[in-house]
Protein backbone atom coordinates (compact mmCIF):
# COMPACT_ATOMS: atom_id res chain seq x y z
CA MET A 1 -23.35 -42.99 -12.49
CA SER A 2 -24.49 -40.97 -15.50
CA THR A 3 -27.00 -38.16 -15.19
CA PRO A 4 -30.32 -39.03 -16.90
CA GLU A 5 -31.44 -36.96 -19.90
CA PHE A 6 -35.17 -36.71 -20.58
CA PHE A 7 -36.66 -36.20 -24.06
CA VAL A 8 -40.14 -34.96 -24.93
CA THR A 9 -41.94 -33.58 -27.97
CA PRO A 10 -42.19 -29.78 -27.73
CA GLY A 11 -45.63 -28.59 -26.66
CA TYR A 12 -47.70 -31.38 -25.15
CA GLY A 13 -44.58 -33.34 -24.19
CA ASP A 14 -43.30 -30.38 -22.15
CA TYR A 15 -46.66 -30.12 -20.41
CA LEU A 16 -46.79 -33.83 -19.61
CA ARG A 17 -43.25 -33.84 -18.22
CA GLU A 18 -43.87 -30.84 -15.99
CA HIS A 19 -47.35 -31.76 -14.72
CA LEU A 20 -47.47 -35.57 -14.90
CA HIS A 21 -43.75 -36.46 -14.71
CA TYR A 22 -44.09 -38.32 -18.03
CA SER A 23 -41.18 -38.50 -20.44
CA GLN A 24 -41.23 -40.04 -23.91
CA ALA A 25 -37.61 -41.15 -23.71
CA ILE A 26 -34.76 -41.17 -21.23
CA ARG A 27 -31.05 -41.69 -21.74
CA VAL A 28 -28.70 -42.81 -18.99
CA GLY A 29 -25.15 -43.32 -20.20
CA ASN A 30 -25.31 -45.33 -23.41
CA ARG A 31 -28.75 -46.80 -22.68
CA VAL A 32 -31.98 -45.30 -24.09
CA GLU A 33 -35.47 -46.27 -22.92
CA THR A 34 -38.61 -45.19 -24.77
CA SER A 35 -42.21 -45.14 -23.58
CA GLY A 36 -45.45 -45.91 -25.32
CA GLN A 37 -47.45 -43.02 -26.69
CA GLY A 38 -50.86 -42.00 -25.47
CA GLY A 39 -53.77 -41.63 -27.84
CA TRP A 40 -54.72 -38.13 -26.75
CA ASN A 41 -55.55 -35.11 -28.87
CA ASP A 42 -54.22 -31.54 -28.49
CA GLU A 43 -56.57 -30.97 -25.52
CA PHE A 44 -55.23 -34.14 -23.77
CA GLN A 45 -58.55 -35.94 -24.23
CA ILE A 46 -58.46 -39.70 -24.71
CA PRO A 47 -61.33 -41.19 -26.77
CA ALA A 48 -63.65 -43.68 -25.08
CA ASP A 49 -63.12 -46.22 -27.88
CA LEU A 50 -60.84 -46.83 -30.88
CA ALA A 51 -63.55 -45.91 -33.40
CA THR A 52 -63.69 -42.34 -32.06
CA LYS A 53 -61.70 -39.88 -34.16
């Protein structure tokens, strides 16, 4: 079995992988799986509604 490789965006992606075990993409062998992206800002805050900027 192939060893998985995890991919994250430098900065917040590194933080999320280390603290929340979240990875934006993973590769095992020749298969790649991607995840959805959260709508957080640089302080990891998620707005209460879509109209919030």
